[in-house]
Amino acid sequence: MVDIFDLDTLLAQLVLALGAALALGNGYALWMNRKGVKPKDEEGELHRGRAWFLLVVGLVIAWWGLGSLLVS
């Protein structure tokens, strides 16, 4: 049953996708903020510290998912 669905590979792919989305989304937000572009109808400023923290967390998770794919 495990061989049919290949759950180990699927889980590693999901971890890689989640980490990449987290890193790319926060990287894009930081880049657009540096250019001075804000989303429409949004109040307040970007929390740069939080965005940098989540970017690093996303990179670590993506690296972990990629490593899991390469090892298995």
C-alpha atoms as a PDB file:
ATOM      1  CA  MET A   1       0.000   0.000   0.000  1.00  0.00           C
ATOM      2  CA  VAL A   2       2.830   2.402   0.801  1.00  0.00           C
ATOM      3  CA  ASP A   3       4.509   1.615  -2.511  1.00  0.00           C
ATOM      4  CA  ILE A   4       1.360   2.488  -4.450  1.00  0.00           C
ATOM      5  CA  PHE A   5       1.056   5.986  -2.988  1.00  0.00           C
ATOM      6  CA  ASP A   6       4.762   6.514  -2.198  1.00  0.00           C
ATOM      7  CA  LEU A   7       3.907   8.569   0.870  1.00  0.00           C
ATOM      8  CA  ASP A   8       7.526   9.228   1.853  1.00  0.00           C
ATOM      9  CA  THR A   9       8.244  11.031  -1.408  1.00  0.00           C
ATOM     10  CA  LEU A  10       4.907  12.836  -1.301  1.00  0.00           C
ATOM     11  CA  LEU A  11       5.585  14.152   2.203  1.00  0.00           C
ATOM     12  CA  ALA A  12       9.062  15.357   1.188  1.00  0.00           C
ATOM     13  CA  GLN A  13       7.571  17.127  -1.837  1.00  0.00           C
ATOM     14  CA  LEU A  14       4.946  18.812   0.332  1.00  0.00           C
ATOM     15  CA  VAL A  15       7.610  19.995   2.789  1.00  0.00           C
ATOM     16  CA  LEU A  16       9.692  21.356  -0.089  1.00  0.00           C
ATOM     17  CA  ALA A  17       6.672  23.156  -1.584  1.00  0.00           C
ATOM     18  CA  LEU A  18       5.664  24.672   1.756  1.00  0.00           C
ATOM     19  CA  GLY A  19       9.183  25.914   2.478  1.00  0.00           C
ATOM     20  CA  ALA A  20       9.614  27.313  -1.024  1.00  0.00           C
ATOM     21  CA  ALA A  21       6.260  29.118  -0.857  1.00  0.00           C
ATOM     22  CA  LEU A  22       7.115  30.594   2.533  1.00  0.00           C
ATOM     23  CA  ALA A  23      10.540  31.770   1.366  1.00  0.00           C
ATOM     24  CA  LEU A  24       9.383  33.125  -1.988  1.00  0.00           C
ATOM     25  CA  GLY A  25       6.332  34.900  -0.566  1.00  0.00           C
ATOM     26  CA  ASN A  26       8.272  36.715   2.126  1.00  0.00           C
ATOM     27  CA  GLY A  27      11.146  37.470  -0.233  1.00  0.00           C
ATOM     28  CA  TYR A  28       8.691  39.002  -2.680  1.00  0.00           C
ATOM     29  CA  ALA A  29       7.074  41.056   0.081  1.00  0.00           C
ATOM     30  CA  LEU A  30      10.467  42.406   1.166  1.00  0.00           C
ATOM     31  CA  TRP A  31      11.438  43.184  -2.429  1.00  0.00           C
ATOM     32  CA  MET A  32       8.190  45.022  -3.189  1.00  0.00           C
ATOM     33  CA  ASN A  33       8.465  46.964   0.076  1.00  0.00           C
ATOM     34  CA  ARG A  34      11.961  48.071  -0.876  1.00  0.00           C
ATOM     35  CA  LYS A  35      10.581  49.343  -4.193  1.00  0.00           C
ATOM     36  CA  GLY A  36       7.878  51.253  -2.303  1.00  0.00           C
ATOM     37  CA  VAL A  37       4.925  49.241  -3.620  1.00  0.00           C
ATOM     38  CA  LYS A  38       2.123  48.427  -1.170  1.00  0.00           C
ATOM     39  CA  PRO A  39      -0.917  46.185  -1.692  1.00  0.00           C
ATOM     40  CA  LYS A  40      -4.180  47.999  -2.429  1.00  0.00           C
ATOM     41  CA  ASP A  41      -6.410  48.835   0.539  1.00  0.00           C
ATOM     42  CA  GLU A  42      -3.779  47.854   3.109  1.00  0.00           C
ATOM     43  CA  GLU A  43      -3.004  49.921   6.184  1.00  0.00           C
ATOM     44  CA  GLY A  44       0.241  49.936   8.141  1.00  0.00           C
ATOM     45  CA  GLU A  45       3.807  48.991   7.392  1.00  0.00           C
ATOM     46  CA  LEU A  46       5.555  45.724   6.665  1.00  0.00           C
ATOM     47  CA  HIS A  47       7.032  43.968   9.691  1.00  0.00           C
ATOM     48  CA  ARG A  48      10.544  43.514   8.270  1.00  0.00           C
ATOM     49  CA  GLY A  49      11.854  41.450  11.171  1.00  0.00           C
ATOM     50  CA  ARG A  50       8.994  38.982  10.885  1.00  0.00           C
ATOM     51  CA  ALA A  51       9.367  38.771   7.110  1.00  0.00           C
ATOM     52  CA  TRP A  52      13.112  38.073   7.380  1.00  0.00           C
ATOM     53  CA  PHE A  53      12.504  35.453  10.081  1.00  0.00           C
ATOM     54  CA  LEU A  54       9.865  33.673   7.989  1.00  0.00           C
ATOM     55  CA  LEU A  55      12.100  33.858   4.904  1.00  0.00           C
ATOM     56  CA  VAL A  56      14.881  32.072   6.795  1.00  0.00           C
ATOM     57  CA  VAL A  57      12.440  29.518   8.222  1.00  0.00           C
ATOM     58  CA  GLY A  58      11.120  28.874   4.707  1.00  0.00           C
ATOM     59  CA  LEU A  59      14.641  28.355   3.385  1.00  0.00           C
ATOM     60  CA  VAL A  60      15.418  25.872   6.168  1.00  0.00           C
ATOM     61  CA  ILE A  61      12.192  23.937   5.539  1.00  0.00           C
ATOM     62  CA  ALA A  62      12.794  23.900   1.764  1.00  0.00           C
ATOM     63  CA  TRP A  63      16.381  22.724   2.290  1.00  0.00           C
ATOM     64  CA  TRP A  64      15.090  19.956   4.568  1.00  0.00           C
ATOM     65  CA  GLY A  65      12.508  18.863   1.979  1.00  0.00           C
ATOM     66  CA  LEU A  66      15.073  18.894  -0.820  1.00  0.00           C
ATOM     67  CA  GLY A  67      17.491  16.886   1.280  1.00  0.00           C
ATOM     68  CA  SER A  68      14.770  14.372   2.078  1.00  0.00           C
ATOM     69  CA  LEU A  69      14.022  13.968  -1.622  1.00  0.00           C
ATOM     70  CA  LEU A  70      17.660  13.468  -2.547  1.00  0.00           C
ATOM     71  CA  VAL A  71      18.361  10.946   0.210  1.00  0.00           C
ATOM     72  CA  SER A  72      15.331   8.737  -0.360  1.00  0.00           C
END
